[in-house]
Amino acid sequence: MATLKLALDTRKAKKDGTFPLVFKLTVNRKTACVKTGISIHESQFDTENNLILNSQTLNENLLQLETLYRGRLNQYILENLTLTHCPIIYSTST
């Protein structure tokens, strides 16, 4: 199973007090962060809806990035999926 979620990386603030926005990619319980190139203050991020407050342009850019990353993730899954990963399809018993 793989997930892709937008998150504010609050582990370390930048010098100006902002935090980077990242996409957290989790595959088989291993997580990697993909940078978006966008940094904002903690108060500017809506954690429930994963949106930047009062910034339609940045939200549209993030949606485009998410679409791109989801497409790549789906392609990776399709290329690496084998019939042994789908026991119902792979099973020869009826």
N, C-alpha and C. Protein backbone atom coordinates (compact mmCIF):
# COMPACT_ATOMS: atom_id res chain seq x y z
N MET A 1 0.84 -1.18 0.00
CA MET A 1 0.00 0.00 0.00
C MET A 1 0.88 1.24 0.00
N ALA A 2 0.48 2.23 -0.74
CA ALA A 2 1.24 3.48 -0.83
C ALA A 2 0.31 4.66 -0.60
N THR A 3 0.83 5.67 0.10
CA THR A 3 0.04 6.89 0.33
C THR A 3 0.90 8.11 0.02
N LEU A 4 0.23 9.18 -0.35
CA LEU A 4 0.88 10.45 -0.62
C LEU A 4 0.06 11.52 0.08
N LYS A 5 0.71 12.26 0.98
CA LYS A 5 -0.02 13.25 1.76
C LYS A 5 0.80 14.52 1.90
N LEU A 6 0.14 15.66 1.74
CA LEU A 6 0.79 16.95 1.92
C LEU A 6 0.91 17.24 3.41
N ALA A 7 2.08 17.72 3.83
CA ALA A 7 2.29 17.99 5.25
C ALA A 7 3.27 19.15 5.43
N LEU A 8 3.16 19.80 6.56
CA LEU A 8 4.10 20.84 6.93
C LEU A 8 5.20 20.18 7.75
N ASP A 9 6.43 20.29 7.29
CA ASP A 9 7.56 19.64 7.97
C ASP A 9 8.04 20.55 9.10
N THR A 10 7.55 20.30 10.30
CA THR A 10 7.84 21.16 11.44
C THR A 10 9.05 20.70 12.24
N ARG A 11 9.85 19.79 11.69
CA ARG A 11 11.02 19.31 12.42
C ARG A 11 12.06 20.40 12.61
N LYS A 12 12.19 21.29 11.64
CA LYS A 12 13.19 22.35 11.74
C LYS A 12 12.72 23.57 10.96
N ALA A 13 12.62 24.70 11.66
CA ALA A 13 12.21 25.95 11.01
C ALA A 13 13.37 26.57 10.25
N LYS A 14 13.03 27.29 9.20
CA LYS A 14 14.04 28.05 8.47
C LYS A 14 14.36 29.31 9.26
N LYS A 15 15.38 30.06 8.82
CA LYS A 15 15.79 31.27 9.54
C LYS A 15 14.67 32.30 9.63
N ASP A 16 13.79 32.34 8.63
CA ASP A 16 12.70 33.32 8.63
C ASP A 16 11.46 32.84 9.40
N GLY A 17 11.56 31.66 10.03
CA GLY A 17 10.45 31.15 10.85
C GLY A 17 9.43 30.33 10.09
N THR A 18 9.67 30.10 8.80
CA THR A 18 8.75 29.29 8.01
C THR A 18 9.18 27.83 8.03
N PHE A 19 8.25 26.97 7.63
CA PHE A 19 8.51 25.54 7.54
C PHE A 19 8.24 25.08 6.11
N PRO A 20 9.01 24.12 5.62
CA PRO A 20 8.77 23.63 4.26
C PRO A 20 7.53 22.75 4.17
N LEU A 21 6.83 22.88 3.06
CA LEU A 21 5.73 21.98 2.75
C LEU A 21 6.30 20.80 1.97
N VAL A 22 5.94 19.60 2.35
CA VAL A 22 6.44 18.40 1.69
C VAL A 22 5.29 17.45 1.42
N PHE A 23 5.50 16.58 0.45
CA PHE A 23 4.60 15.46 0.26
C PHE A 23 5.25 14.28 0.96
N LYS A 24 4.52 13.67 1.89
CA LYS A 24 5.02 12.48 2.57
C LYS A 24 4.55 11.25 1.78
N LEU A 25 5.52 10.53 1.28
CA LEU A 25 5.26 9.33 0.51
C LEU A 25 5.56 8.13 1.38
N THR A 26 4.57 7.28 1.59
CA THR A 26 4.75 6.10 2.41
C THR A 26 4.48 4.86 1.57
N VAL A 27 5.47 3.97 1.53
CA VAL A 27 5.34 2.71 0.81
C VAL A 27 5.90 1.62 1.71
N ASN A 28 5.11 0.62 1.97
CA ASN A 28 5.52 -0.50 2.83
C ASN A 28 6.10 -0.02 4.16
N ARG A 29 5.42 0.92 4.78
CA ARG A 29 5.77 1.48 6.09
C ARG A 29 7.06 2.29 6.11
N LYS A 30 7.59 2.61 4.96
CA LYS A 30 8.77 3.47 4.87
C LYS A 30 8.33 4.81 4.30
N THR A 31 8.75 5.89 4.96
CA THR A 31 8.31 7.22 4.57
C THR A 31 9.47 8.04 4.01
N ALA A 32 9.17 8.76 2.96
CA ALA A 32 10.13 9.70 2.37
C ALA A 32 9.41 11.02 2.16
N CYS A 33 10.14 12.11 2.27
CA CYS A 33 9.57 13.44 2.06
C CYS A 33 10.03 13.98 0.72
N VAL A 34 9.08 14.48 -0.06
CA VAL A 34 9.37 15.08 -1.35
C VAL A 34 9.12 16.58 -1.21
N LYS A 35 10.16 17.38 -1.40
CA LYS A 35 10.05 18.82 -1.23
C LYS A 35 9.17 19.44 -2.31
N THR A 36 8.41 20.47 -1.92
CA THR A 36 7.58 21.20 -2.87
C THR A 36 8.23 22.51 -3.29
N GLY A 37 9.21 22.97 -2.53
CA GLY A 37 9.83 24.26 -2.80
C GLY A 37 9.07 25.42 -2.19
N ILE A 38 8.04 25.10 -1.39
CA ILE A 38 7.21 26.13 -0.76
C ILE A 38 7.42 26.07 0.75
N SER A 39 7.65 27.22 1.36
CA SER A 39 7.77 27.31 2.81
C SER A 39 6.79 28.36 3.31
N ILE A 40 6.09 28.05 4.40
CA ILE A 40 5.09 28.96 4.96
C ILE A 40 5.15 28.92 6.48
N HIS A 41 4.50 29.88 7.11
CA HIS A 41 4.38 29.86 8.57
C HIS A 41 3.34 28.83 8.97
N GLU A 42 3.50 28.29 10.14
CA GLU A 42 2.61 27.25 10.63
C GLU A 42 1.15 27.71 10.64
N SER A 43 0.92 28.98 10.94
CA SER A 43 -0.44 29.52 11.02
C SER A 43 -1.11 29.64 9.64
N GLN A 44 -0.34 29.53 8.57
CA GLN A 44 -0.88 29.65 7.22
C GLN A 44 -1.36 28.32 6.65
N PHE A 45 -1.17 27.22 7.37
CA PHE A 45 -1.50 25.90 6.84
C PHE A 45 -2.71 25.31 7.54
N ASP A 46 -3.70 24.90 6.77
CA ASP A 46 -4.90 24.24 7.28
C ASP A 46 -4.63 22.73 7.26
N THR A 47 -4.34 22.16 8.43
CA THR A 47 -3.96 20.75 8.50
C THR A 47 -5.12 19.81 8.19
N GLU A 48 -6.34 20.22 8.48
CA GLU A 48 -7.50 19.34 8.21
C GLU A 48 -7.73 19.18 6.72
N ASN A 49 -7.61 20.27 5.96
CA ASN A 49 -7.90 20.23 4.53
C ASN A 49 -6.64 20.21 3.67
N ASN A 50 -5.47 20.26 4.32
CA ASN A 50 -4.19 20.28 3.60
C ASN A 50 -4.13 21.38 2.55
N LEU A 51 -4.46 22.60 2.99
CA LEU A 51 -4.45 23.76 2.11
C LEU A 51 -3.68 24.91 2.75
N ILE A 52 -3.14 25.77 1.89
CA ILE A 52 -2.53 27.00 2.37
C ILE A 52 -3.64 28.04 2.45
N LEU A 53 -3.77 28.68 3.59
CA LEU A 53 -4.83 29.66 3.77
C LEU A 53 -4.57 30.91 2.93
N ASN A 54 -5.61 31.40 2.30
CA ASN A 54 -5.59 32.65 1.53
C ASN A 54 -4.56 32.68 0.40
N SER A 55 -4.37 31.57 -0.27
CA SER A 55 -3.43 31.53 -1.39
C SER A 55 -3.90 30.54 -2.44
N GLN A 56 -4.80 30.99 -3.29
CA GLN A 56 -5.35 30.13 -4.33
C GLN A 56 -4.27 29.68 -5.31
N THR A 57 -3.36 30.57 -5.65
CA THR A 57 -2.30 30.25 -6.62
C THR A 57 -1.40 29.12 -6.10
N LEU A 58 -0.96 29.23 -4.84
CA LEU A 58 -0.10 28.17 -4.29
C LEU A 58 -0.86 26.86 -4.17
N ASN A 59 -2.14 26.91 -3.81
CA ASN A 59 -2.94 25.68 -3.71
C ASN A 59 -3.09 25.02 -5.08
N GLU A 60 -3.25 25.83 -6.12
CA GLU A 60 -3.34 25.27 -7.47
C GLU A 60 -2.01 24.63 -7.89
N ASN A 61 -0.90 25.29 -7.54
CA ASN A 61 0.42 24.71 -7.83
C ASN A 61 0.61 23.39 -7.10
N LEU A 62 0.19 23.34 -5.85
CA LEU A 62 0.30 22.10 -5.06
C LEU A 62 -0.57 20.99 -5.64
N LEU A 63 -1.74 21.35 -6.13
CA LEU A 63 -2.63 20.36 -6.74
C LEU A 63 -1.99 19.78 -8.00
N GLN A 64 -1.33 20.63 -8.78
CA GLN A 64 -0.63 20.14 -9.97
C GLN A 64 0.51 19.21 -9.60
N LEU A 65 1.26 19.58 -8.57
CA LEU A 65 2.35 18.71 -8.10
C LEU A 65 1.82 17.38 -7.60
N GLU A 66 0.73 17.44 -6.83
CA GLU A 66 0.15 16.21 -6.29
C GLU A 66 -0.32 15.30 -7.42
N THR A 67 -0.93 15.88 -8.44
CA THR A 67 -1.38 15.10 -9.60
C THR A 67 -0.19 14.43 -10.29
N LEU A 68 0.89 15.19 -10.46
CA LEU A 68 2.10 14.64 -11.07
C LEU A 68 2.67 13.49 -10.24
N TYR A 69 2.80 13.69 -8.93
CA TYR A 69 3.38 12.66 -8.06
C TYR A 69 2.48 11.43 -7.96
N ARG A 70 1.16 11.64 -7.91
CA ARG A 70 0.25 10.49 -7.87
C ARG A 70 0.34 9.68 -9.16
N GLY A 71 0.47 10.36 -10.29
CA GLY A 71 0.63 9.66 -11.57
C GLY A 71 1.89 8.82 -11.58
N ARG A 72 2.99 9.40 -11.10
CA ARG A 72 4.25 8.66 -11.04
C ARG A 72 4.16 7.48 -10.09
N LEU A 73 3.50 7.70 -8.95
CA LEU A 73 3.34 6.63 -7.97
C LEU A 73 2.50 5.50 -8.55
N ASN A 74 1.41 5.84 -9.20
CA ASN A 74 0.56 4.81 -9.81
C ASN A 74 1.31 4.05 -10.89
N GLN A 75 2.11 4.75 -11.68
CA GLN A 75 2.91 4.09 -12.72
C GLN A 75 3.91 3.13 -12.08
N TYR A 76 4.56 3.56 -11.00
CA TYR A 76 5.51 2.70 -10.29
C TYR A 76 4.81 1.44 -9.77
N ILE A 77 3.63 1.62 -9.19
CA ILE A 77 2.89 0.48 -8.65
C ILE A 77 2.54 -0.49 -9.76
N LEU A 78 2.06 0.02 -10.89
CA LEU A 78 1.69 -0.84 -12.01
C LEU A 78 2.89 -1.60 -12.58
N GLU A 79 4.04 -0.91 -12.65
CA GLU A 79 5.23 -1.56 -13.20
C GLU A 79 5.81 -2.61 -12.26
N ASN A 80 5.57 -2.48 -10.98
CA ASN A 80 6.17 -3.40 -10.01
C ASN A 80 5.17 -4.38 -9.41
N LEU A 81 3.96 -4.36 -9.89
CA LEU A 81 2.94 -5.28 -9.40
C LEU A 81 3.05 -6.60 -10.15
N THR A 82 3.08 -7.68 -9.41
CA THR A 82 3.09 -9.00 -10.03
C THR A 82 1.85 -9.75 -9.61
N LEU A 83 1.57 -10.83 -10.28
CA LEU A 83 0.38 -11.60 -9.94
C LEU A 83 0.46 -12.19 -8.54
N THR A 84 1.64 -12.38 -8.02
CA THR A 84 1.75 -12.93 -6.67
C THR A 84 1.29 -11.93 -5.62
N HIS A 85 1.24 -10.64 -5.98
CA HIS A 85 0.73 -9.63 -5.07
C HIS A 85 -0.80 -9.62 -5.02
N CYS A 86 -1.43 -10.31 -5.95
CA CYS A 86 -2.90 -10.37 -6.03
C CYS A 86 -3.34 -11.82 -5.90
N PRO A 87 -3.40 -12.35 -4.68
CA PRO A 87 -3.70 -13.79 -4.52
C PRO A 87 -5.05 -14.19 -5.07
N ILE A 88 -6.03 -13.32 -5.08
CA ILE A 88 -7.34 -13.69 -5.60
C ILE A 88 -7.26 -13.90 -7.11
N ILE A 89 -6.53 -13.05 -7.81
CA ILE A 89 -6.37 -13.18 -9.25
C ILE A 89 -5.44 -14.33 -9.56
N TYR A 90 -4.40 -14.50 -8.76
CA TYR A 90 -3.37 -15.52 -9.00
C TYR A 90 -3.86 -16.92 -8.70
N SER A 91 -4.78 -17.06 -7.78
CA SER A 91 -5.26 -18.37 -7.36
C SER A 91 -5.92 -19.11 -8.52
N THR A 92 -5.60 -20.40 -8.64
CA THR A 92 -6.18 -21.21 -9.70
C THR A 92 -7.35 -22.03 -9.19
N SER A 93 -7.59 -22.02 -7.88
CA SER A 93 -8.72 -22.79 -7.34
C SER A 93 -10.00 -22.01 -7.53
N THR A 94 -11.11 -22.76 -7.67
CA THR A 94 -12.42 -22.13 -7.87
C THR A 94 -13.35 -22.42 -6.73
